Amino acid sequence: MEDETWLTAREAAELTGVSIVTVYSWVRRGHLKVEGLDHRGQKLFRHLDVARAEKATRAKAKRLPIPVAHACH
């Protein structure tokens, strides 16, 4: 598609409020696919794919049990 928005890892991180390390973690875990390279050789991601990766990983984080601190009396 000609009108797709492409993002570098830095732009994807800024857009989603995560670190660049997290963006590459999404790639390693199969949540996000590198779709190409820009003119400087930086990896490019589709905007829609970045949004889907963020949603999928945030949904998983919400399902994780939260440890309860026990007070000692």
PDB file of N, CA and C in Angstrom:
ATOM      1  N   MET A   1       0.838  -1.193   0.000  1.00  0.00           N
ATOM      2  CA  MET A   1       0.000   0.000   0.000  1.00  0.00           C
ATOM      3  C   MET A   1       0.876   1.248   0.000  1.00  0.00           C
ATOM      4  N   GLU A   2       0.528   2.188  -0.803  1.00  0.00           N
ATOM      5  CA  GLU A   2       1.324   3.401  -0.906  1.00  0.00           C
ATOM      6  C   GLU A   2       1.139   4.337   0.285  1.00  0.00           C
ATOM      7  N   ASP A   3      -0.021   4.307   0.917  1.00  0.00           N
ATOM      8  CA  ASP A   3      -0.307   5.260   1.984  1.00  0.00           C
ATOM      9  C   ASP A   3      -0.015   4.725   3.382  1.00  0.00           C
ATOM     10  N   GLU A   4       0.709   3.628   3.476  1.00  0.00           N
ATOM     11  CA  GLU A   4       1.052   3.081   4.778  1.00  0.00           C
ATOM     12  C   GLU A   4       2.081   3.976   5.469  1.00  0.00           C
ATOM     13  N   THR A   5       2.032   4.002   6.793  1.00  0.00           N
ATOM     14  CA  THR A   5       3.002   4.734   7.578  1.00  0.00           C
ATOM     15  C   THR A   5       4.059   3.760   8.070  1.00  0.00           C
ATOM     16  N   TRP A   6       5.320   4.122   7.860  1.00  0.00           N
ATOM     17  CA  TRP A   6       6.445   3.283   8.263  1.00  0.00           C
ATOM     18  C   TRP A   6       7.180   3.948   9.404  1.00  0.00           C
ATOM     19  N   LEU A   7       7.616   3.166  10.366  1.00  0.00           N
ATOM     20  CA  LEU A   7       8.294   3.690  11.544  1.00  0.00           C
ATOM     21  C   LEU A   7       9.632   2.995  11.764  1.00  0.00           C
ATOM     22  N   THR A   8      10.622   3.753  12.231  1.00  0.00           N
ATOM     23  CA  THR A   8      11.868   3.144  12.693  1.00  0.00           C
ATOM     24  C   THR A   8      11.612   2.611  14.106  1.00  0.00           C
ATOM     25  N   ALA A   9      12.556   1.876  14.651  1.00  0.00           N
ATOM     26  CA  ALA A   9      12.413   1.354  16.016  1.00  0.00           C
ATOM     27  C   ALA A   9      12.273   2.506  17.009  1.00  0.00           C
ATOM     28  N   ARG A  10      13.036   3.559  16.824  1.00  0.00           N
ATOM     29  CA  ARG A  10      12.958   4.720  17.725  1.00  0.00           C
ATOM     30  C   ARG A  10      11.569   5.362  17.652  1.00  0.00           C
ATOM     31  N   GLU A  11      11.057   5.537  16.457  1.00  0.00           N
ATOM     32  CA  GLU A  11       9.732   6.134  16.302  1.00  0.00           C
ATOM     33  C   GLU A  11       8.650   5.226  16.897  1.00  0.00           C
ATOM     34  N   ALA A  12       8.789   3.924  16.691  1.00  0.00           N
ATOM     35  CA  ALA A  12       7.827   2.972  17.259  1.00  0.00           C
ATOM     36  C   ALA A  12       7.854   3.024  18.778  1.00  0.00           C
ATOM     37  N   ALA A  13       9.050   3.128  19.341  1.00  0.00           N
ATOM     38  CA  ALA A  13       9.192   3.210  20.793  1.00  0.00           C
ATOM     39  C   ALA A  13       8.557   4.489  21.327  1.00  0.00           C
ATOM     40  N   GLU A  14       8.825   5.611  20.680  1.00  0.00           N
ATOM     41  CA  GLU A  14       8.253   6.888  21.119  1.00  0.00           C
ATOM     42  C   GLU A  14       6.736   6.879  21.015  1.00  0.00           C
ATOM     43  N   LEU A  15       6.215   6.324  19.937  1.00  0.00           N
ATOM     44  CA  LEU A  15       4.773   6.270  19.717  1.00  0.00           C
ATOM     45  C   LEU A  15       4.065   5.452  20.789  1.00  0.00           C
ATOM     46  N   THR A  16       4.660   4.348  21.184  1.00  0.00           N
ATOM     47  CA  THR A  16       4.014   3.425  22.110  1.00  0.00           C
ATOM     48  C   THR A  16       4.408   3.642  23.563  1.00  0.00           C
ATOM     49  N   GLY A  17       5.391   4.498  23.810  1.00  0.00           N
ATOM     50  CA  GLY A  17       5.808   4.779  25.173  1.00  0.00           C
ATOM     51  C   GLY A  17       6.645   3.673  25.795  1.00  0.00           C
ATOM     52  N   VAL A  18       7.368   2.933  24.954  1.00  0.00           N
ATOM     53  CA  VAL A  18       8.247   1.874  25.445  1.00  0.00           C
ATOM     54  C   VAL A  18       9.675   2.175  25.003  1.00  0.00           C
ATOM     55  N   SER A  19      10.619   1.361  25.441  1.00  0.00           N
ATOM     56  CA  SER A  19      12.011   1.553  25.037  1.00  0.00           C
ATOM     57  C   SER A  19      12.262   0.870  23.687  1.00  0.00           C
ATOM     58  N   ILE A  20      13.358   1.238  23.072  1.00  0.00           N
ATOM     59  CA  ILE A  20      13.763   0.594  21.819  1.00  0.00           C
ATOM     60  C   ILE A  20      14.038  -0.892  22.074  1.00  0.00           C
ATOM     61  N   VAL A  21      14.579  -1.190  23.241  1.00  0.00           N
ATOM     62  CA  VAL A  21      14.843  -2.588  23.614  1.00  0.00           C
ATOM     63  C   VAL A  21      13.537  -3.392  23.581  1.00  0.00           C
ATOM     64  N   THR A  22      12.449  -2.792  24.055  1.00  0.00           N
ATOM     65  CA  THR A  22      11.149  -3.469  24.037  1.00  0.00           C
ATOM     66  C   THR A  22      10.678  -3.716  22.612  1.00  0.00           C
ATOM     67  N   VAL A  23      10.881  -2.747  21.732  1.00  0.00           N
ATOM     68  CA  VAL A  23      10.487  -2.923  20.323  1.00  0.00           C
ATOM     69  C   VAL A  23      11.221  -4.132  19.738  1.00  0.00           C
ATOM     70  N   TYR A  24      12.527  -4.232  19.979  1.00  0.00           N
ATOM     71  CA  TYR A  24      13.276  -5.371  19.452  1.00  0.00           C
ATOM     72  C   TYR A  24      12.913  -6.669  20.167  1.00  0.00           C
ATOM     73  N   SER A  25      12.437  -6.566  21.388  1.00  0.00           N
ATOM     74  CA  SER A  25      11.928  -7.745  22.091  1.00  0.00           C
ATOM     75  C   SER A  25      10.669  -8.256  21.394  1.00  0.00           C
ATOM     76  N   TRP A  26       9.804  -7.339  20.948  1.00  0.00           N
ATOM     77  CA  TRP A  26       8.609  -7.734  20.202  1.00  0.00           C
ATOM     78  C   TRP A  26       9.008  -8.475  18.934  1.00  0.00           C
ATOM     79  N   VAL A  27      10.076  -8.018  18.286  1.00  0.00           N
ATOM     80  CA  VAL A  27      10.564  -8.677  17.063  1.00  0.00           C
ATOM     81  C   VAL A  27      11.046 -10.091  17.394  1.00  0.00           C
ATOM     82  N   ARG A  28      11.889 -10.215  18.420  1.00  0.00           N
ATOM     83  CA  ARG A  28      12.428 -11.533  18.806  1.00  0.00           C
ATOM     84  C   ARG A  28      11.331 -12.521  19.178  1.00  0.00           C
ATOM     85  N   ARG A  29      10.290 -12.026  19.837  1.00  0.00           N
ATOM     86  CA  ARG A  29       9.211 -12.905  20.288  1.00  0.00           C
ATOM     87  C   ARG A  29       8.141 -13.144  19.224  1.00  0.00           C
ATOM     88  N   GLY A  30       8.313 -12.540  18.051  1.00  0.00           N
ATOM     89  CA  GLY A  30       7.380 -12.779  16.957  1.00  0.00           C
ATOM     90  C   GLY A  30       6.139 -11.907  16.961  1.00  0.00           C
ATOM     91  N   HIS A  31       6.109 -10.868  17.794  1.00  0.00           N
ATOM     92  CA  HIS A  31       4.957  -9.963  17.828  1.00  0.00           C
ATOM     93  C   HIS A  31       5.036  -8.886  16.745  1.00  0.00           C
ATOM     94  N   LEU A  32       6.236  -8.650  16.225  1.00  0.00           N
ATOM     95  CA  LEU A  32       6.452  -7.573  15.266  1.00  0.00           C
ATOM     96  C   LEU A  32       7.451  -8.030  14.217  1.00  0.00           C
ATOM     97  N   LYS A  33       7.159  -7.701  12.963  1.00  0.00           N
ATOM     98  CA  LYS A  33       8.013  -8.123  11.851  1.00  0.00           C
ATOM     99  C   LYS A  33       8.676  -6.902  11.207  1.00  0.00           C
ATOM    100  N   VAL A  34       9.966  -7.026  10.948  1.00  0.00           N
ATOM    101  CA  VAL A  34      10.689  -5.989  10.205  1.00  0.00           C
ATOM    102  C   VAL A  34      10.222  -6.086   8.756  1.00  0.00           C
ATOM    103  N   GLU A  35       9.744  -4.964   8.220  1.00  0.00           N
ATOM    104  CA  GLU A  35       9.173  -4.970   6.869  1.00  0.00           C
ATOM    105  C   GLU A  35      10.094  -4.388   5.808  1.00  0.00           C
ATOM    106  N   GLY A  36      11.188  -3.751   6.231  1.00  0.00           N
ATOM    107  CA  GLY A  36      12.092  -3.174   5.250  1.00  0.00           C
ATOM    108  C   GLY A  36      13.158  -2.349   5.933  1.00  0.00           C
ATOM    109  N   LEU A  37      13.919  -1.627   5.111  1.00  0.00           N
ATOM    110  CA  LEU A  37      14.988  -0.759   5.605  1.00  0.00           C
ATOM    111  C   LEU A  37      14.826   0.618   4.982  1.00  0.00           C
ATOM    112  N   ASP A  38      15.158   1.648   5.760  1.00  0.00           N
ATOM    113  CA  ASP A  38      15.115   2.995   5.190  1.00  0.00           C
ATOM    114  C   ASP A  38      16.418   3.286   4.451  1.00  0.00           C
ATOM    115  N   HIS A  39      16.585   4.512   3.977  1.00  0.00           N
ATOM    116  CA  HIS A  39      17.759   4.883   3.193  1.00  0.00           C
ATOM    117  C   HIS A  39      19.062   4.834   3.998  1.00  0.00           C
ATOM    118  N   ARG A  40      18.961   4.785   5.345  1.00  0.00           N
ATOM    119  CA  ARG A  40      20.145   4.677   6.206  1.00  0.00           C
ATOM    120  C   ARG A  40      20.364   3.256   6.711  1.00  0.00           C
ATOM    121  N   GLY A  41      19.525   2.339   6.268  1.00  0.00           N
ATOM    122  CA  GLY A  41      19.668   0.951   6.694  1.00  0.00           C
ATOM    123  C   GLY A  41      18.972   0.621   7.997  1.00  0.00           C
ATOM    124  N   GLN A  42      18.172   1.562   8.526  1.00  0.00           N
ATOM    125  CA  GLN A  42      17.427   1.300   9.756  1.00  0.00           C
ATOM    126  C   GLN A  42      16.202   0.450   9.452  1.00  0.00           C
ATOM    127  N   LYS A  43      15.909  -0.468  10.356  1.00  0.00           N
ATOM    128  CA  LYS A  43      14.757  -1.348  10.184  1.00  0.00           C
ATOM    129  C   LYS A  43      13.469  -0.530  10.227  1.00  0.00           C
ATOM    130  N   LEU A  44      12.518  -0.931   9.387  1.00  0.00           N
ATOM    131  CA  LEU A  44      11.226  -0.253   9.325  1.00  0.00           C
ATOM    132  C   LEU A  44      10.101  -1.210   9.679  1.00  0.00           C
ATOM    133  N   PHE A  45       9.096  -0.655  10.360  1.00  0.00           N
ATOM    134  CA  PHE A  45       7.928  -1.412  10.794  1.00  0.00           C
ATOM    135  C   PHE A  45       6.674  -0.685  10.328  1.00  0.00           C
ATOM    136  N   ARG A  46       5.640  -1.460  10.005  1.00  0.00           N
ATOM    137  CA  ARG A  46       4.360  -0.855   9.643  1.00  0.00           C
ATOM    138  C   ARG A  46       3.703  -0.317  10.913  1.00  0.00           C
ATOM    139  N   HIS A  47       3.136   0.872  10.826  1.00  0.00           N
ATOM    140  CA  HIS A  47       2.467   1.506  11.958  1.00  0.00           C
ATOM    141  C   HIS A  47       1.409   0.578  12.549  1.00  0.00           C
ATOM    142  N   LEU A  48       0.597  -0.022  11.712  1.00  0.00           N
ATOM    143  CA  LEU A  48      -0.466  -0.912  12.173  1.00  0.00           C
ATOM    144  C   LEU A  48       0.107  -2.115  12.922  1.00  0.00           C
ATOM    145  N   ASP A  49       1.227  -2.664  12.436  1.00  0.00           N
ATOM    146  CA  ASP A  49       1.857  -3.804  13.107  1.00  0.00           C
ATOM    147  C   ASP A  49       2.395  -3.408  14.479  1.00  0.00           C
ATOM    148  N   VAL A  50       2.938  -2.195  14.585  1.00  0.00           N
ATOM    149  CA  VAL A  50       3.440  -1.710  15.875  1.00  0.00           C
ATOM    150  C   VAL A  50       2.277  -1.601  16.864  1.00  0.00           C
ATOM    151  N   ALA A  51       1.156  -1.054  16.408  1.00  0.00           N
ATOM    152  CA  ALA A  51      -0.019  -0.932  17.277  1.00  0.00           C
ATOM    153  C   ALA A  51      -0.511  -2.303  17.730  1.00  0.00           C
ATOM    154  N   ARG A  52      -0.526  -3.264  16.820  1.00  0.00           N
ATOM    155  CA  ARG A  52      -0.964  -4.618  17.172  1.00  0.00           C
ATOM    156  C   ARG A  52      -0.009  -5.273  18.170  1.00  0.00           C
ATOM    157  N   ALA A  53       1.287  -5.081  17.984  1.00  0.00           N
ATOM    158  CA  ALA A  53       2.274  -5.655  18.906  1.00  0.00           C
ATOM    159  C   ALA A  53       2.111  -5.054  20.296  1.00  0.00           C
ATOM    160  N   GLU A  54       1.912  -3.750  20.347  1.00  0.00           N
ATOM    161  CA  GLU A  54       1.721  -3.095  21.644  1.00  0.00           C
ATOM    162  C   GLU A  54       0.466  -3.626  22.324  1.00  0.00           C
ATOM    163  N   LYS A  55      -0.615  -3.722  21.584  1.00  0.00           N
ATOM    164  CA  LYS A  55      -1.878  -4.197  22.161  1.00  0.00           C
ATOM    165  C   LYS A  55      -1.738  -5.629  22.665  1.00  0.00           C
ATOM    166  N   ALA A  56      -1.099  -6.479  21.886  1.00  0.00           N
ATOM    167  CA  ALA A  56      -0.938  -7.889  22.272  1.00  0.00           C
ATOM    168  C   ALA A  56      -0.094  -8.030  23.525  1.00  0.00           C
ATOM    169  N   THR A  57       0.985  -7.279  23.619  1.00  0.00           N
ATOM    170  CA  THR A  57       1.859  -7.418  24.783  1.00  0.00           C
ATOM    171  C   THR A  57       1.270  -6.747  26.005  1.00  0.00           C
ATOM    172  N   ARG A  58       0.546  -5.659  25.831  1.00  0.00           N
ATOM    173  CA  ARG A  58      -0.094  -5.011  26.981  1.00  0.00           C
ATOM    174  C   ARG A  58      -1.233  -5.872  27.506  1.00  0.00           C
ATOM    175  N   ALA A  59      -1.950  -6.547  26.622  1.00  0.00           N
ATOM    176  CA  ALA A  59      -3.036  -7.436  27.052  1.00  0.00           C
ATOM    177  C   ALA A  59      -2.472  -8.591  27.871  1.00  0.00           C
ATOM    178  N   LYS A  60      -1.334  -9.123  27.462  1.00  0.00           N
ATOM    179  CA  LYS A  60      -0.690 -10.202  28.220  1.00  0.00           C
ATOM    180  C   LYS A  60      -0.252  -9.707  29.585  1.00  0.00           C
ATOM    181  N   ALA A  61       0.277  -8.489  29.653  1.00  0.00           N
ATOM    182  CA  ALA A  61       0.748  -7.937  30.923  1.00  0.00           C
ATOM    183  C   ALA A  61      -0.410  -7.775  31.905  1.00  0.00           C
ATOM    184  N   LYS A  62      -1.581  -7.438  31.407  1.00  0.00           N
ATOM    185  CA  LYS A  62      -2.745  -7.261  32.276  1.00  0.00           C
ATOM    186  C   LYS A  62      -3.214  -8.588  32.867  1.00  0.00           C
ATOM    187  N   ARG A  63      -2.972  -9.684  32.172  1.00  0.00           N
ATOM    188  CA  ARG A  63      -3.433 -10.992  32.638  1.00  0.00           C
ATOM    189  C   ARG A  63      -2.491 -11.628  33.651  1.00  0.00           C
ATOM    190  N   LEU A  64      -1.282 -11.095  33.786  1.00  0.00           N
ATOM    191  CA  LEU A  64      -0.337 -11.674  34.733  1.00  0.00           C
ATOM    192  C   LEU A  64      -0.786 -11.422  36.160  1.00  0.00           C
ATOM    193  N   PRO A  65      -0.681 -12.412  37.050  1.00  0.00           N
ATOM    194  CA  PRO A  65      -1.064 -12.194  38.424  1.00  0.00           C
ATOM    195  C   PRO A  65      -0.118 -11.210  39.109  1.00  0.00           C
ATOM    196  N   ILE A  66      -0.676 -10.407  39.966  1.00  0.00           N
ATOM    197  CA  ILE A  66       0.117  -9.431  40.711  1.00  0.00           C
ATOM    198  C   ILE A  66       0.435 -10.028  42.077  1.00  0.00           C
ATOM    199  N   PRO A  67       1.717 -10.097  42.430  1.00  0.00           N
ATOM    200  CA  PRO A  67       2.063 -10.644  43.735  1.00  0.00           C
ATOM    201  C   PRO A  67       1.509  -9.767  44.864  1.00  0.00           C
ATOM    202  N   VAL A  68       1.020 -10.407  45.895  1.00  0.00           N
ATOM    203  CA  VAL A  68       0.471  -9.701  47.039  1.00  0.00           C
ATOM    204  C   VAL A  68       1.499  -9.708  48.150  1.00  0.00           C
ATOM    205  N   ALA A  69       1.777  -8.522  48.669  1.00  0.00           N
ATOM    206  CA  ALA A  69       2.731  -8.411  49.779  1.00  0.00           C
ATOM    207  C   ALA A  69       2.002  -8.769  51.064  1.00  0.00           C
ATOM    208  N   HIS A  70       2.587  -9.641  51.840  1.00  0.00           N
ATOM    209  CA  HIS A  70       2.007 -10.041  53.118  1.00  0.00           C
ATOM    210  C   HIS A  70       2.674  -9.275  54.243  1.00  0.00           C
ATOM    211  N   ALA A  71       1.860  -8.635  55.046  1.00  0.00           N
ATOM    212  CA  ALA A  71       2.397  -7.876  56.181  1.00  0.00           C
ATOM    213  C   ALA A  71       2.672  -8.817  57.328  1.00  0.00           C
ATOM    214  N   CYS A  72       3.792  -8.655  57.968  1.00  0.00           N
ATOM    215  CA  CYS A  72       4.139  -9.477  59.123  1.00  0.00           C
ATOM    216  C   CYS A  72       3.743  -8.723  60.378  1.00  0.00           C
ATOM    217  N   HIS A  73       2.970  -9.373  61.236  1.00  0.00           N
ATOM    218  CA  HIS A  73       2.528  -8.742  62.491  1.00  0.00           C
ATOM    219  C   HIS A  73       3.194  -9.371  63.654  1.00  0.00           C
TER     220      HIS A  73
END
